[in-house]
PDB file of N, CA and C in Angstrom:
ATOM      1  N   MET A   1     101.192  92.023  88.501  1.00  0.00           N
ATOM      2  CA  MET A   1     101.281  92.908  88.819  1.00  0.00           C
ATOM      3  C   MET A   1     101.317  93.787  88.058  1.00  0.00           C
ATOM      4  N   LYS A   2     101.409  95.131  87.542  1.00  0.00           N
ATOM      5  CA  LYS A   2     101.562  96.233  86.345  1.00  0.00           C
ATOM      6  C   LYS A   2     101.742  97.362  87.147  1.00  0.00           C
ATOM      7  N   PRO A   3     102.746  98.353  86.170  1.00  0.00           N
ATOM      8  CA  PRO A   3     102.964  99.869  86.574  1.00  0.00           C
ATOM      9  C   PRO A   3     101.805 100.565  86.758  1.00  0.00           C
ATOM     10  N   GLY A   4     101.561 101.293  87.954  1.00  0.00           N
ATOM     11  CA  GLY A   4     100.748 101.851  88.746  1.00  0.00           C
ATOM     12  C   GLY A   4      99.920 101.466  89.640  1.00  0.00           C
ATOM     13  N   ASP A   5      99.919  99.958  89.884  1.00  0.00           N
ATOM     14  CA  ASP A   5      99.414  99.388  91.149  1.00  0.00           C
ATOM     15  C   ASP A   5      99.984  99.734  92.272  1.00  0.00           C
ATOM     16  N   THR A   6      99.160  99.869  93.117  1.00  0.00           N
ATOM     17  CA  THR A   6      99.415 100.781  94.630  1.00  0.00           C
ATOM     18  C   THR A   6      99.029  99.642  95.771  1.00  0.00           C
ATOM     19  N   TRP A   7      99.727  99.106  96.987  1.00  0.00           N
ATOM     20  CA  TRP A   7      99.189  98.740  97.680  1.00  0.00           C
ATOM     21  C   TRP A   7     100.026  99.190  99.432  1.00  0.00           C
ATOM     22  N   SER A   8      98.832  99.016 100.585  1.00  0.00           N
ATOM     23  CA  SER A   8      99.872  99.125 101.947  1.00  0.00           C
ATOM     24  C   SER A   8     100.034  98.401 102.850  1.00  0.00           C
ATOM     25  N   LYS A   9     100.555  98.764 103.777  1.00  0.00           N
ATOM     26  CA  LYS A   9     100.673  97.738 104.979  1.00  0.00           C
ATOM     27  C   LYS A   9     100.783  98.357 106.506  1.00  0.00           C
ATOM     28  N   ASP A  10     100.497  97.977 107.630  1.00  0.00           N
ATOM     29  CA  ASP A  10     100.452  98.631 108.728  1.00  0.00           C
ATOM     30  C   ASP A  10     101.353  97.768 109.408  1.00  0.00           C
ATOM     31  N   TYR A  11     102.539  98.013 110.059  1.00  0.00           N
ATOM     32  CA  TYR A  11     102.895  97.216 111.265  1.00  0.00           C
ATOM     33  C   TYR A  11     102.984  97.601 112.568  1.00  0.00           C
ATOM     34  N   THR A  12     102.706  97.026 113.499  1.00  0.00           N
ATOM     35  CA  THR A  12     102.422  97.067 114.808  1.00  0.00           C
ATOM     36  C   THR A  12     103.976  96.401 115.576  1.00  0.00           C
ATOM     37  N   GLN A  13     104.648  96.906 116.424  1.00  0.00           N
ATOM     38  CA  GLN A  13     105.684  96.122 117.233  1.00  0.00           C
ATOM     39  C   GLN A  13     105.478  96.914 119.022  1.00  0.00           C
ATOM     40  N   THR A  14     105.372  95.670 119.925  1.00  0.00           N
ATOM     41  CA  THR A  14     104.978  95.894 120.928  1.00  0.00           C
ATOM     42  C   THR A  14     106.584  96.096 121.592  1.00  0.00           C
ATOM     43  N   ASN A  15     106.745  96.609 122.605  1.00  0.00           N
ATOM     44  CA  ASN A  15     107.728  96.928 123.421  1.00  0.00           C
ATOM     45  C   ASN A  15     107.823  95.646 124.439  1.00  0.00           C
ATOM     46  N   PRO A  16     109.059  94.661 124.047  1.00  0.00           N
ATOM     47  CA  PRO A  16     108.433  93.580 125.113  1.00  0.00           C
ATOM     48  C   PRO A  16     109.248  94.242 126.287  1.00  0.00           C
ATOM     49  N   GLY A  17     110.197  94.929 126.899  1.00  0.00           N
ATOM     50  CA  GLY A  17     111.127  95.283 127.841  1.00  0.00           C
ATOM     51  C   GLY A  17     110.110  96.470 128.415  1.00  0.00           C
ATOM     52  N   GLY A  18     109.020  96.689 128.219  1.00  0.00           N
ATOM     53  CA  GLY A  18     108.300  98.066 128.859  1.00  0.00           C
ATOM     54  C   GLY A  18     106.558  98.373 128.013  1.00  0.00           C
ATOM     55  N   GLY A  19     106.404  99.716 128.010  1.00  0.00           N
ATOM     56  CA  GLY A  19     105.340 100.114 127.555  1.00  0.00           C
ATOM     57  C   GLY A  19     105.242 100.978 126.117  1.00  0.00           C
ATOM     58  N   GLY A  20     104.468 101.099 125.329  1.00  0.00           N
ATOM     59  CA  GLY A  20     104.443 101.116 124.231  1.00  0.00           C
ATOM     60  C   GLY A  20     104.752 100.668 123.393  1.00  0.00           C
ATOM     61  N   GLY A  21     105.366 101.010 121.970  1.00  0.00           N
ATOM     62  CA  GLY A  21     105.529 100.323 120.472  1.00  0.00           C
ATOM     63  C   GLY A  21     105.749 100.770 119.731  1.00  0.00           C
ATOM     64  N   ILE A  22     106.194 100.825 118.084  1.00  0.00           N
ATOM     65  CA  ILE A  22     106.442 101.193 117.428  1.00  0.00           C
ATOM     66  C   ILE A  22     105.362 100.809 116.215  1.00  0.00           C
ATOM     67  N   GLN A  23     104.604 101.930 115.517  1.00  0.00           N
ATOM     68  CA  GLN A  23     103.744 101.704 114.756  1.00  0.00           C
ATOM     69  C   GLN A  23     104.331 102.134 113.268  1.00  0.00           C
ATOM     70  N   VAL A  24     104.224 101.433 112.498  1.00  0.00           N
ATOM     71  CA  VAL A  24     104.914 101.865 110.793  1.00  0.00           C
ATOM     72  C   VAL A  24     103.512 101.596 109.721  1.00  0.00           C
ATOM     73  N   THR A  25     103.631 102.342 109.248  1.00  0.00           N
ATOM     74  CA  THR A  25     102.356 102.207 108.277  1.00  0.00           C
ATOM     75  C   THR A  25     103.001 102.503 106.762  1.00  0.00           C
ATOM     76  N   THR A  26     103.109 101.803 105.840  1.00  0.00           N
ATOM     77  CA  THR A  26     103.870 101.859 104.471  1.00  0.00           C
ATOM     78  C   THR A  26     102.929 101.984 103.446  1.00  0.00           C
ATOM     79  N   HIS A  27     102.865 102.460 102.110  1.00  0.00           N
ATOM     80  CA  HIS A  27     102.533 102.418 101.058  1.00  0.00           C
ATOM     81  C   HIS A  27     103.062 102.089 100.021  1.00  0.00           C
ATOM     82  N   SER A  28     102.981 101.596  98.738  1.00  0.00           N
ATOM     83  CA  SER A  28     103.906 101.102  97.800  1.00  0.00           C
ATOM     84  C   SER A  28     103.271 101.617  96.561  1.00  0.00           C
ATOM     85  N   LYS A  29     103.835 101.713  95.388  1.00  0.00           N
ATOM     86  CA  LYS A  29     103.958 101.862  93.721  1.00  0.00           C
ATOM     87  C   LYS A  29     104.298 101.005  92.903  1.00  0.00           C
ATOM     88  N   TYR A  30     104.223 100.517  92.467  1.00  0.00           N
ATOM     89  CA  TYR A  30     104.747  99.840  90.957  1.00  0.00           C
ATOM     90  C   TYR A  30     105.019 100.985  90.135  1.00  0.00           C
ATOM     91  N   LEU A  31     105.993 101.482  89.877  1.00  0.00           N
ATOM     92  CA  LEU A  31     106.377 102.472  89.385  1.00  0.00           C
ATOM     93  C   LEU A  31     106.357 102.339  87.729  1.00  0.00           C
ATOM     94  N   ARG A  32     107.480 101.378  87.093  1.00  0.00           N
ATOM     95  CA  ARG A  32     107.706 100.981  85.924  1.00  0.00           C
ATOM     96  C   ARG A  32     108.647 100.021  85.928  1.00  0.00           C
ATOM     97  N   ASP A  33     108.794  99.100  84.475  1.00  0.00           N
ATOM     98  CA  ASP A  33     109.504  98.033  84.353  1.00  0.00           C
ATOM     99  C   ASP A  33     111.022  99.047  83.637  1.00  0.00           C
ATOM    100  N   GLU A  34     112.101  98.315  84.431  1.00  0.00           N
ATOM    101  CA  GLU A  34     113.261  98.633  83.869  1.00  0.00           C
ATOM    102  C   GLU A  34     114.178  97.984  83.669  1.00  0.00           C
ATOM    103  N   THR A  35     115.207  98.137  82.695  1.00  0.00           N
ATOM    104  CA  THR A  35     116.565  97.361  82.927  1.00  0.00           C
ATOM    105  C   THR A  35     117.427  97.434  83.100  1.00  0.00           C
ATOM    106  N   LEU A  36     117.963  96.909  84.009  1.00  0.00           N
ATOM    107  CA  LEU A  36     119.494  97.119  84.891  1.00  0.00           C
ATOM    108  C   LEU A  36     120.443  95.628  84.706  1.00  0.00           C
ATOM    109  N   ASN A  37     121.441  96.397  84.236  1.00  0.00           N
ATOM    110  CA  ASN A  37     122.763  94.791  84.448  1.00  0.00           C
ATOM    111  C   ASN A  37     121.783  93.972  83.422  1.00  0.00           C
ATOM    112  N   GLY A  38     121.330  94.038  82.106  1.00  0.00           N
ATOM    113  CA  GLY A  38     120.679  93.046  81.372  1.00  0.00           C
ATOM    114  C   GLY A  38     119.419  92.314  81.816  1.00  0.00           C
ATOM    115  N   VAL A  39     119.209  93.113  82.772  1.00  0.00           N
ATOM    116  CA  VAL A  39     117.829  91.869  83.829  1.00  0.00           C
ATOM    117  C   VAL A  39     116.687  93.062  83.666  1.00  0.00           C
ATOM    118  N   LYS A  40     115.517  92.600  83.312  1.00  0.00           N
ATOM    119  CA  LYS A  40     114.491  93.398  83.325  1.00  0.00           C
ATOM    120  C   LYS A  40     113.599  93.324  84.761  1.00  0.00           C
ATOM    121  N   THR A  41     113.908  94.505  85.350  1.00  0.00           N
ATOM    122  CA  THR A  41     113.636  94.957  86.863  1.00  0.00           C
ATOM    123  C   THR A  41     112.186  95.314  87.016  1.00  0.00           C
ATOM    124  N   ALA A  42     111.371  95.455  88.341  1.00  0.00           N
ATOM    125  CA  ALA A  42     110.041  96.045  88.448  1.00  0.00           C
ATOM    126  C   ALA A  42     110.724  97.252  89.301  1.00  0.00           C
ATOM    127  N   VAL A  43     109.987  98.306  89.088  1.00  0.00           N
ATOM    128  CA  VAL A  43     110.831  99.403  90.014  1.00  0.00           C
ATOM    129  C   VAL A  43     109.687  99.618  90.725  1.00  0.00           C
ATOM    130  N   VAL A  44     109.882  99.834  92.039  1.00  0.00           N
ATOM    131  CA  VAL A  44     108.608  99.884  93.071  1.00  0.00           C
ATOM    132  C   VAL A  44     109.427 101.059  94.336  1.00  0.00           C
ATOM    133  N   GLU A  45     108.744 101.802  94.450  1.00  0.00           N
ATOM    134  CA  GLU A  45     108.608 102.857  95.358  1.00  0.00           C
ATOM    135  C   GLU A  45     107.262 102.842  96.609  1.00  0.00           C
ATOM    136  N   THR A  46     108.503 102.748  97.821  1.00  0.00           N
ATOM    137  CA  THR A  46     107.910 102.584  98.817  1.00  0.00           C
ATOM    138  C   THR A  46     108.071 104.293 100.060  1.00  0.00           C
ATOM    139  N   THR A  47     107.037 104.617 100.090  1.00  0.00           N
ATOM    140  CA  THR A  47     106.759 105.600 101.437  1.00  0.00           C
ATOM    141  C   THR A  47     106.322 104.838 102.737  1.00  0.00           C
ATOM    142  N   SER A  48     106.884 105.299 103.839  1.00  0.00           N
ATOM    143  CA  SER A  48     106.805 104.031 105.273  1.00  0.00           C
ATOM    144  C   SER A  48     106.905 105.818 106.426  1.00  0.00           C
ATOM    145  N   ASN A  49     106.029 105.555 107.424  1.00  0.00           N
ATOM    146  CA  ASN A  49     106.129 106.761 108.451  1.00  0.00           C
ATOM    147  C   ASN A  49     105.926 105.809 109.824  1.00  0.00           C
ATOM    148  N   ALA A  50     106.754 105.677 110.291  1.00  0.00           N
ATOM    149  CA  ALA A  50     107.156 105.332 111.848  1.00  0.00           C
ATOM    150  C   ALA A  50     106.413 106.100 112.592  1.00  0.00           C
ATOM    151  N   SER A  51     106.198 106.010 113.891  1.00  0.00           N
ATOM    152  CA  SER A  51     105.511 106.015 115.009  1.00  0.00           C
ATOM    153  C   SER A  51     106.599 105.581 116.142  1.00  0.00           C
ATOM    154  N   ILE A  52     106.952 106.398 117.015  1.00  0.00           N
ATOM    155  CA  ILE A  52     108.062 105.390 117.837  1.00  0.00           C
ATOM    156  C   ILE A  52     107.312 106.146 119.522  1.00  0.00           C
ATOM    157  N   ASP A  53     106.961 105.049 120.443  1.00  0.00           N
ATOM    158  CA  ASP A  53     106.535 105.686 121.992  1.00  0.00           C
ATOM    159  C   ASP A  53     106.968 104.619 123.142  1.00  0.00           C
ATOM    160  N   ILE A  54     108.316 104.422 123.505  1.00  0.00           N
ATOM    161  CA  ILE A  54     108.244 103.506 124.073  1.00  0.00           C
ATOM    162  C   ILE A  54     108.972 103.925 125.590  1.00  0.00           C
ATOM    163  N   SER A  55     108.847 102.930 126.632  1.00  0.00           N
ATOM    164  CA  SER A  55     109.389 103.371 128.076  1.00  0.00           C
ATOM    165  C   SER A  55     109.610 101.747 128.398  1.00  0.00           C
ATOM    166  N   THR A  56     110.555 101.869 129.220  1.00  0.00           N
ATOM    167  CA  THR A  56     111.129 101.055 130.276  1.00  0.00           C
ATOM    168  C   THR A  56     110.046 101.027 131.613  1.00  0.00           C
ATOM    169  N   GLY A  57     109.817 100.109 132.154  1.00  0.00           N
ATOM    170  CA  GLY A  57     108.762  99.506 133.435  1.00  0.00           C
ATOM    171  C   GLY A  57     109.700 100.256 134.551  1.00  0.00           C
ATOM    172  N   GLY A  58     108.567 100.544 135.358  1.00  0.00           N
ATOM    173  CA  GLY A  58     108.894 101.185 136.458  1.00  0.00           C
ATOM    174  C   GLY A  58     109.470 102.769 136.533  1.00  0.00           C
ATOM    175  N   SER A  59     109.179 103.156 138.010  1.00  0.00           N
ATOM    176  CA  SER A  59     109.636 104.750 137.528  1.00  0.00           C
ATOM    177  C   SER A  59     111.115 104.838 137.332  1.00  0.00           C
ATOM    178  N   GLY A  60     111.401 106.149 137.076  1.00  0.00           N
ATOM    179  CA  GLY A  60     112.386 106.501 136.420  1.00  0.00           C
ATOM    180  C   GLY A  60     113.445 106.088 135.778  1.00  0.00           C
ATOM    181  N   GLY A  61     112.480 105.700 134.444  1.00  0.00           N
ATOM    182  CA  GLY A  61     113.142 104.962 133.533  1.00  0.00           C
ATOM    183  C   GLY A  61     113.930 105.440 132.563  1.00  0.00           C
ATOM    184  N   LEU A  62     113.761 105.124 130.986  1.00  0.00           N
ATOM    185  CA  LEU A  62     113.662 105.666 129.925  1.00  0.00           C
ATOM    186  C   LEU A  62     112.866 105.271 128.990  1.00  0.00           C
ATOM    187  N   SER A  63     112.352 106.756 128.393  1.00  0.00           N
ATOM    188  CA  SER A  63     111.451 106.328 126.702  1.00  0.00           C
ATOM    189  C   SER A  63     111.706 107.306 126.050  1.00  0.00           C
ATOM    190  N   MET A  64     111.281 106.941 124.568  1.00  0.00           N
ATOM    191  CA  MET A  64     111.523 107.605 123.701  1.00  0.00           C
ATOM    192  C   MET A  64     110.856 108.008 122.797  1.00  0.00           C
ATOM    193  N   LYS A  65     110.589 108.732 122.518  1.00  0.00           N
ATOM    194  CA  LYS A  65     109.242 109.489 121.459  1.00  0.00           C
ATOM    195  C   LYS A  65     109.903 109.730 120.414  1.00  0.00           C
ATOM    196  N   GLY A  66     109.136 109.711 118.727  1.00  0.00           N
ATOM    197  CA  GLY A  66     109.752 110.165 117.695  1.00  0.00           C
ATOM    198  C   GLY A  66     109.261 109.994 116.641  1.00  0.00           C
ATOM    199  N   THR A  67     109.333 110.148 115.345  1.00  0.00           N
ATOM    200  CA  THR A  67     108.873 109.424 113.909  1.00  0.00           C
ATOM    201  C   THR A  67     110.150 109.760 113.016  1.00  0.00           C
ATOM    202  N   GLU A  68     109.594 108.565 111.941  1.00  0.00           N
ATOM    203  CA  GLU A  68     111.120 108.740 110.873  1.00  0.00           C
ATOM    204  C   GLU A  68     110.203 107.856 109.602  1.00  0.00           C
ATOM    205  N   THR A  69     110.396 108.695 108.845  1.00  0.00           N
ATOM    206  CA  THR A  69     110.265 108.919 107.328  1.00  0.00           C
ATOM    207  C   THR A  69     110.931 108.207 106.517  1.00  0.00           C
ATOM    208  N   SER A  70     110.759 107.613 105.595  1.00  0.00           N
ATOM    209  CA  SER A  70     111.602 107.142 104.487  1.00  0.00           C
ATOM    210  C   SER A  70     110.741 107.330 103.118  1.00  0.00           C
ATOM    211  N   VAL A  71     111.644 107.003 101.735  1.00  0.00           N
ATOM    212  CA  VAL A  71     111.120 106.530 100.808  1.00  0.00           C
ATOM    213  C   VAL A  71     111.821 105.962  99.975  1.00  0.00           C
ATOM    214  N   VAL A  72     111.950 104.711 100.084  1.00  0.00           N
ATOM    215  CA  VAL A  72     112.780 103.722  99.327  1.00  0.00           C
ATOM    216  C   VAL A  72     112.042 103.053  98.069  1.00  0.00           C
ATOM    217  N   THR A  73     113.512 103.526  96.629  1.00  0.00           N
ATOM    218  CA  THR A  73     113.148 103.006  95.669  1.00  0.00           C
ATOM    219  C   THR A  73     114.127 101.631  95.441  1.00  0.00           C
ATOM    220  N   SER A  74     113.066 100.745  94.910  1.00  0.00           N
ATOM    221  CA  SER A  74     113.660  99.081  94.824  1.00  0.00           C
ATOM    222  C   SER A  74     113.582  98.667  93.295  1.00  0.00           C
ATOM    223  N   TRP A  75     114.897  98.004  93.075  1.00  0.00           N
ATOM    224  CA  TRP A  75     114.563  97.627  91.297  1.00  0.00           C
ATOM    225  C   TRP A  75     114.829  96.121  92.079  1.00  0.00           C
ATOM    226  N   ILE A  76     113.458  95.198  91.452  1.00  0.00           N
ATOM    227  CA  ILE A  76     113.803  93.754  91.724  1.00  0.00           C
ATOM    228  C   ILE A  76     113.584  92.815  90.708  1.00  0.00           C
ATOM    229  N   ASP A  77     114.283  92.004  90.559  1.00  0.00           N
ATOM    230  CA  ASP A  77     114.093  91.028  89.929  1.00  0.00           C
ATOM    231  C   ASP A  77     113.252  90.029  89.971  1.00  0.00           C
ATOM    232  N   PRO A  78     111.866  90.075  89.316  1.00  0.00           N
ATOM    233  CA  PRO A  78     110.533  89.644  89.715  1.00  0.00           C
ATOM    234  C   PRO A  78     111.027  88.261  89.125  1.00  0.00           C
ATOM    235  N   ASN A  79     111.961  87.518  88.364  1.00  0.00           N
ATOM    236  CA  ASN A  79     112.144  85.997  88.216  1.00  0.00           C
ATOM    237  C   ASN A  79     112.968  85.582  89.367  1.00  0.00           C
ATOM    238  N   SER A  80     114.180  85.831  89.964  1.00  0.00           N
ATOM    239  CA  SER A  80     114.344  85.397  91.314  1.00  0.00           C
ATOM    240  C   SER A  80     114.287  86.009  92.262  1.00  0.00           C
ATOM    241  N   HIS A  81     113.097  87.028  92.144  1.00  0.00           N
ATOM    242  CA  HIS A  81     112.864  87.418  93.465  1.00  0.00           C
ATOM    243  C   HIS A  81     113.851  88.078  94.516  1.00  0.00           C
ATOM    244  N   ARG A  82     115.253  89.081  93.837  1.00  0.00           N
ATOM    245  CA  ARG A  82     116.045  89.307  94.194  1.00  0.00           C
ATOM    246  C   ARG A  82     115.742  90.727  94.523  1.00  0.00           C
ATOM    247  N   VAL A  83     116.396  91.581  95.006  1.00  0.00           N
ATOM    248  CA  VAL A  83     116.144  93.059  94.909  1.00  0.00           C
ATOM    249  C   VAL A  83     118.136  93.565  94.046  1.00  0.00           C
ATOM    250  N   LEU A  84     118.061  94.438  93.575  1.00  0.00           N
ATOM    251  CA  LEU A  84     119.623  94.380  92.571  1.00  0.00           C
ATOM    252  C   LEU A  84     120.046  95.486  92.925  1.00  0.00           C
ATOM    253  N   LYS A  85     119.181  96.463  93.677  1.00  0.00           N
ATOM    254  CA  LYS A  85     119.409  98.056  93.975  1.00  0.00           C
ATOM    255  C   LYS A  85     118.235  98.645  94.340  1.00  0.00           C
ATOM    256  N   THR A  86     118.627  99.331  95.439  1.00  0.00           N
ATOM    257  CA  THR A  86     117.671 100.254  96.289  1.00  0.00           C
ATOM    258  C   THR A  86     118.693 101.894  96.441  1.00  0.00           C
ATOM    259  N   HIS A  87     117.835 102.852  96.904  1.00  0.00           N
ATOM    260  CA  HIS A  87     117.964 104.225  96.551  1.00  0.00           C
ATOM    261  C   HIS A  87     116.756 104.421  98.238  1.00  0.00           C
ATOM    262  N   SER A  88     117.480 105.207  99.330  1.00  0.00           N
ATOM    263  CA  SER A  88     116.208 105.637 100.014  1.00  0.00           C
ATOM    264  C   SER A  88     116.788 106.850 100.656  1.00  0.00           C
ATOM    265  N   THR A  89     115.886 107.557 101.189  1.00  0.00           N
ATOM    266  CA  THR A  89     116.093 109.099 101.815  1.00  0.00           C
ATOM    267  C   THR A  89     114.904 108.494 103.210  1.00  0.00           C
ATOM    268  N   GLN A  90     115.760 109.424 104.062  1.00  0.00           N
ATOM    269  CA  GLN A  90     114.955 109.450 105.362  1.00  0.00           C
ATOM    270  C   GLN A  90     114.980 110.352 106.312  1.00  0.00           C
ATOM    271  N   THR A  91     114.481 110.875 107.239  1.00  0.00           N
ATOM    272  CA  THR A  91     114.173 111.617 108.058  1.00  0.00           C
ATOM    273  C   THR A  91     113.417 111.414 109.552  1.00  0.00           C
ATOM    274  N   ASN A  92     114.063 111.739 110.510  1.00  0.00           N
ATOM    275  CA  ASN A  92     113.649 111.353 111.912  1.00  0.00           C
ATOM    276  C   ASN A  92     114.026 112.589 112.968  1.00  0.00           C
ATOM    277  N   ASP A  93     112.976 112.263 113.967  1.00  0.00           N
ATOM    278  CA  ASP A  93     112.713 113.723 114.684  1.00  0.00           C
ATOM    279  C   ASP A  93     112.074 112.820 116.076  1.00  0.00           C
ATOM    280  N   GLY A  94     113.312 113.358 116.979  1.00  0.00           N
ATOM    281  CA  GLY A  94     112.738 112.684 118.228  1.00  0.00           C
ATOM    282  C   GLY A  94     113.308 112.836 119.604  1.00  0.00           C
ATOM    283  N   ALA A  95     113.075 112.364 120.965  1.00  0.00           N
ATOM    284  CA  ALA A  95     113.793 112.637 121.978  1.00  0.00           C
ATOM    285  C   ALA A  95     113.767 111.384 122.866  1.00  0.00           C
ATOM    286  N   PHE A  96     114.993 111.801 123.426  1.00  0.00           N
ATOM    287  CA  PHE A  96     114.832 110.168 124.665  1.00  0.00           C
ATOM    288  C   PHE A  96     115.078 111.058 125.938  1.00  0.00           C
ATOM    289  N   ASP A  97     114.109 110.478 127.211  1.00  0.00           N
ATOM    290  CA  ASP A  97     113.358 111.209 128.151  1.00  0.00           C
ATOM    291  C   ASP A  97     114.836 110.088 129.502  1.00  0.00           C
ATOM    292  N   LEU A  98     115.359 110.317 130.530  1.00  0.00           N
ATOM    293  CA  LEU A  98     115.952 109.384 131.511  1.00  0.00           C
ATOM    294  C   LEU A  98     115.618 110.347 132.561  1.00  0.00           C
ATOM    295  N   GLY A  99     115.172 109.575 133.545  1.00  0.00           N
ATOM    296  CA  GLY A  99     115.034 109.404 134.552  1.00  0.00           C
ATOM    297  C   GLY A  99     115.342 108.236 135.621  1.00  0.00           C
ATOM    298  N   SER A 100     116.327 108.096 136.690  1.00  0.00           N
ATOM    299  CA  SER A 100     116.391 107.067 137.298  1.00  0.00           C
ATOM    300  C   SER A 100     117.003 107.541 138.632  1.00  0.00           C
ATOM    301  N   SER A 101     116.666 106.785 139.655  1.00  0.00           N
ATOM    302  CA  SER A 101     116.837 107.226 141.088  1.00  0.00           C
ATOM    303  C   SER A 101     117.591 106.363 141.966  1.00  0.00           C
ATOM    304  N   SER A 102     118.697 106.313 142.289  1.00  0.00           N
ATOM    305  CA  SER A 102     119.106 105.155 143.500  1.00  0.00           C
ATOM    306  C   SER A 102     120.144 105.818 144.591  1.00  0.00           C
ATOM    307  N   GLY A 103     120.544 105.088 145.241  1.00  0.00           N
ATOM    308  CA  GLY A 103     121.116 105.190 146.676  1.00  0.00           C
ATOM    309  C   GLY A 103     121.863 106.927 146.587  1.00  0.00           C
ATOM    310  N   LEU A 104     122.801 106.835 145.060  1.00  0.00           N
ATOM    311  CA  LEU A 104     123.316 107.989 144.784  1.00  0.00           C
ATOM    312  C   LEU A 104     122.833 109.169 144.281  1.00  0.00           C
ATOM    313  N   GLY A 105     122.058 109.321 144.353  1.00  0.00           N
ATOM    314  CA  GLY A 105     121.183 110.562 143.708  1.00  0.00           C
ATOM    315  C   GLY A 105     120.088 110.030 142.701  1.00  0.00           C
ATOM    316  N   THR A 106     119.765 111.582 141.906  1.00  0.00           N
ATOM    317  CA  THR A 106     119.236 111.196 140.543  1.00  0.00           C
ATOM    318  C   THR A 106     119.574 111.675 139.503  1.00  0.00           C
ATOM    319  N   ILE A 107     119.422 110.902 138.384  1.00  0.00           N
ATOM    320  CA  ILE A 107     119.956 111.383 136.793  1.00  0.00           C
ATOM    321  C   ILE A 107     118.991 111.546 135.927  1.00  0.00           C
ATOM    322  N   SER A 108     118.433 112.830 135.539  1.00  0.00           N
ATOM    323  CA  SER A 108     117.474 113.063 134.703  1.00  0.00           C
ATOM    324  C   SER A 108     118.023 113.694 133.563  1.00  0.00           C
ATOM    325  N   GLY A 109     117.015 113.671 132.500  1.00  0.00           N
ATOM    326  CA  GLY A 109     117.467 114.905 131.161  1.00  0.00           C
ATOM    327  C   GLY A 109     117.000 114.307 130.184  1.00  0.00           C
ATOM    328  N   ARG A 110     117.024 115.058 129.120  1.00  0.00           N
ATOM    329  CA  ARG A 110     116.032 115.136 127.673  1.00  0.00           C
ATOM    330  C   ARG A 110     117.460 115.143 126.693  1.00  0.00           C
ATOM    331  N   MET A 111     117.351 114.134 125.483  1.00  0.00           N
ATOM    332  CA  MET A 111     118.454 114.357 124.545  1.00  0.00           C
ATOM    333  C   MET A 111     117.310 114.219 123.166  1.00  0.00           C
ATOM    334  N   THR A 112     117.400 115.116 122.281  1.00  0.00           N
ATOM    335  CA  THR A 112     116.370 115.506 120.941  1.00  0.00           C
ATOM    336  C   THR A 112     117.839 114.830 119.953  1.00  0.00           C
ATOM    337  N   PHE A 113     116.882 114.656 118.805  1.00  0.00           N
ATOM    338  CA  PHE A 113     117.610 114.282 118.018  1.00  0.00           C
ATOM    339  C   PHE A 113     116.479 114.528 116.472  1.00  0.00           C
ATOM    340  N   GLN A 114     117.521 114.890 115.938  1.00  0.00           N
ATOM    341  CA  GLN A 114     116.489 114.710 114.727  1.00  0.00           C
ATOM    342  C   GLN A 114     117.936 115.078 113.206  1.00  0.00           C
ATOM    343  N   GLY A 115     117.371 114.389 112.152  1.00  0.00           N
ATOM    344  CA  GLY A 115     118.219 113.999 110.897  1.00  0.00           C
ATOM    345  C   GLY A 115     117.813 113.639 110.019  1.00  0.00           C
ATOM    346  N   SER A 116     118.513 113.488 108.674  1.00  0.00           N
ATOM    347  CA  SER A 116     118.052 112.932 107.716  1.00  0.00           C
ATOM    348  C   SER A 116     119.366 112.113 106.628  1.00  0.00           C
ATOM    349  N   GLY A 117     118.703 111.188 105.793  1.00  0.00           N
ATOM    350  CA  GLY A 117     119.766 110.784 105.018  1.00  0.00           C
ATOM    351  C   GLY A 117     119.806 110.066 104.068  1.00  0.00           C
ATOM    352  N   THR A 118     120.483 109.695 102.584  1.00  0.00           N
ATOM    353  CA  THR A 118     120.289 109.087 101.965  1.00  0.00           C
ATOM    354  C   THR A 118     121.379 107.900 102.034  1.00  0.00           C
ATOM    355  N   THR A 119     120.632 106.602 101.503  1.00  0.00           N
ATOM    356  CA  THR A 119     121.485 105.456 101.042  1.00  0.00           C
ATOM    357  C   THR A 119     121.043 104.714  99.986  1.00  0.00           C
ATOM    358  N   ASP A 120     122.097 104.218  99.096  1.00  0.00           N
ATOM    359  CA  ASP A 120     122.136 103.594  98.392  1.00  0.00           C
ATOM    360  C   ASP A 120     122.808 102.291  97.939  1.00  0.00           C
ATOM    361  N   LEU A 121     122.252 101.446  97.791  1.00  0.00           N
ATOM    362  CA  LEU A 121     123.093 100.117  98.245  1.00  0.00           C
ATOM    363  C   LEU A 121     122.616  99.031  96.538  1.00  0.00           C
ATOM    364  N   ILE A 122     123.484  98.253  96.463  1.00  0.00           N
ATOM    365  CA  ILE A 122     123.979  97.695  95.236  1.00  0.00           C
ATOM    366  C   ILE A 122     123.996  96.138  95.796  1.00  0.00           C
ATOM    367  N   PRO A 123     123.276  95.140  95.993  1.00  0.00           N
ATOM    368  CA  PRO A 123     124.092  93.685  96.954  1.00  0.00           C
ATOM    369  C   PRO A 123     125.205  93.441  95.784  1.00  0.00           C
ATOM    370  N   ALA A 124     125.796  92.575  96.738  1.00  0.00           N
ATOM    371  CA  ALA A 124     126.867  91.662  95.457  1.00  0.00           C
ATOM    372  C   ALA A 124     125.866  90.888  95.047  1.00  0.00           C
TER     373      ALA A 124
END
C-alpha cells in the first residue's frame, strides 16, 4: 500500500432480539507516512456512516432509529500492526420510541438525541 490508496467496506448487523439492524459504510484513505515517537507510521483516515433501525419484537416494544457519522485518523505501525494513536470526531442524531402496555396501564413516549464529540487515544 502507498499514500493515496483508498478502500471501502460495508457492515450489517441484524438485531438478534427483534427487527431491523445496523448498517455501516466505511471509506478509508492512506494519507501519508509520518514518524511518531521514532516509529515510521502509516496515517489512515476512515469516514464511517451508520444507519440504525432496530426494534424489539411484539406489540408495544422499544424502537430506535438514527444515524452516526465519524471520522477517525489512525497512526499505524505497519511492522507491529499496532495502532499508536487515534483521533476521532463523531456526530449522532436519533430517537427512541417506547410503547408498552400491561395490566397497570400504558407507557409510551419518545426521546430524541443529538450530539457530537471528539476523542484522542494513545494506547499504552
